[in-house]
Every structure is written in C-alpha cells, then in structure tokens.
C-alpha cells in the first residue's frame, strides 16, 4: 500500500496528465507544485481513512 501511495506522483507525471508536469531545458520532467499538493492531500486522506478504519 505504501509503495502505491509513493508512486502516485510519478505515475501522474509519467502518464503525461495535461498540465501536471513541466519539462526543464535539460529534458527532465518534474511534477508541478499544485499536482504535488494534490497527491499529498490524497495520500493523507487515504492514510487517515486507513487509521480510522473507515475505508
């Protein structure tokens, strides 16, 4: 489960979700800051649901 949660951000970038990534002049692909916050919030929500047993 933790592996899945940690892979969400890179999955979105590799999936080339429109607007979720930017390409540096060297050709590296990075997630945009809003996408990082969205993934962090989603991960926190899932973890809270797991700890409370409501999922």
C-alpha atoms as a PDB file:
ATOM      1  CA  UNK A   1       0.000   0.000   0.000  1.00  0.00           C
ATOM      2  CA  UNK A   2       2.794   2.427   0.859  1.00  0.00           C
ATOM      3  CA  UNK A   3       4.521   1.649  -2.405  1.00  0.00           C
ATOM      4  CA  UNK A   4       1.336   2.503  -4.278  1.00  0.00           C
ATOM      5  CA  UNK A   5       0.947   5.754  -2.371  1.00  0.00           C
ATOM      6  CA  UNK A   6       4.516   6.799  -3.024  1.00  0.00           C
ATOM      7  CA  UNK A   7       4.143   6.052  -6.753  1.00  0.00           C
ATOM      8  CA  UNK A   8       1.067   8.242  -7.323  1.00  0.00           C
ATOM      9  CA  UNK A   9       3.017  11.392  -8.128  1.00  0.00           C
ATOM     10  CA  UNK A  10       5.413   9.750 -10.561  1.00  0.00           C
ATOM     11  CA  UNK A  11       2.509   7.898 -12.191  1.00  0.00           C
ATOM     12  CA  UNK A  12       0.778  11.177 -12.954  1.00  0.00           C
ATOM     13  CA  UNK A  13       3.922  12.648 -14.468  1.00  0.00           C
ATOM     14  CA  UNK A  14       4.750   9.546 -16.495  1.00  0.00           C
ATOM     15  CA  UNK A  15       1.132   9.324 -17.647  1.00  0.00           C
ATOM     16  CA  UNK A  16       1.574  12.819 -19.097  1.00  0.00           C
ATOM     17  CA  UNK A  17      -1.522  14.268 -17.456  1.00  0.00           C
ATOM     18  CA  UNK A  18      -2.026  17.605 -19.196  1.00  0.00           C
ATOM     19  CA  UNK A  19      -0.708  20.483 -17.090  1.00  0.00           C
ATOM     20  CA  UNK A  20       0.591  18.260 -14.284  1.00  0.00           C
ATOM     21  CA  UNK A  21       4.217  18.380 -15.333  1.00  0.00           C
ATOM     22  CA  UNK A  22       6.834  20.674 -16.761  1.00  0.00           C
ATOM     23  CA  UNK A  23       9.934  19.892 -18.790  1.00  0.00           C
ATOM     24  CA  UNK A  24      13.214  21.553 -17.867  1.00  0.00           C
ATOM     25  CA  UNK A  25      15.625  22.847 -20.530  1.00  0.00           C
ATOM     26  CA  UNK A  26      17.781  19.760 -19.880  1.00  0.00           C
ATOM     27  CA  UNK A  27      14.837  17.498 -20.737  1.00  0.00           C
ATOM     28  CA  UNK A  28      13.926  16.383 -17.195  1.00  0.00           C
ATOM     29  CA  UNK A  29      10.244  16.070 -16.337  1.00  0.00           C
ATOM     30  CA  UNK A  30       9.018  17.439 -12.991  1.00  0.00           C
ATOM     31  CA  UNK A  31       5.602  17.489 -11.369  1.00  0.00           C
ATOM     32  CA  UNK A  32       4.105  20.942 -10.920  1.00  0.00           C
ATOM     33  CA  UNK A  33       3.655  22.179  -7.371  1.00  0.00           C
ATOM     34  CA  UNK A  34      -0.172  22.034  -7.446  1.00  0.00           C
ATOM     35  CA  UNK A  35      -0.012  18.401  -8.535  1.00  0.00           C
ATOM     36  CA  UNK A  36       2.383  17.589  -5.690  1.00  0.00           C
ATOM     37  CA  UNK A  37      -0.028  19.192  -3.194  1.00  0.00           C
ATOM     38  CA  UNK A  38      -2.967  17.307  -4.684  1.00  0.00           C
ATOM     39  CA  UNK A  39      -1.143  13.974  -4.392  1.00  0.00           C
ATOM     40  CA  UNK A  40      -0.031  14.778  -0.837  1.00  0.00           C
ATOM     41  CA  UNK A  41      -3.593  15.592   0.186  1.00  0.00           C
ATOM     42  CA  UNK A  42      -4.881  12.401  -1.414  1.00  0.00           C
ATOM     43  CA  UNK A  43      -2.242  10.316   0.368  1.00  0.00           C
ATOM     44  CA  UNK A  44      -3.036  11.951   3.725  1.00  0.00           C
ATOM     45  CA  UNK A  45      -6.754  11.294   3.214  1.00  0.00           C
ATOM     46  CA  UNK A  46      -6.136   7.622   2.412  1.00  0.00           C
ATOM     47  CA  UNK A  47      -3.827   7.173   5.391  1.00  0.00           C
ATOM     48  CA  UNK A  48      -6.308   8.844   7.745  1.00  0.00           C
ATOM     49  CA  UNK A  49      -9.070   6.592   6.452  1.00  0.00           C
ATOM     50  CA  UNK A  50      -6.871   3.536   6.992  1.00  0.00           C
ATOM     51  CA  UNK A  51      -6.017   4.527  10.559  1.00  0.00           C
ATOM     52  CA  UNK A  52      -9.647   5.217  11.396  1.00  0.00           C
ATOM     53  CA  UNK A  53     -10.849   2.047   9.672  1.00  0.00           C
ATOM     54  CA  UNK A  54     -13.471   3.814   7.550  1.00  0.00           C
ATOM     55  CA  UNK A  55     -12.181   2.759   4.177  1.00  0.00           C
END
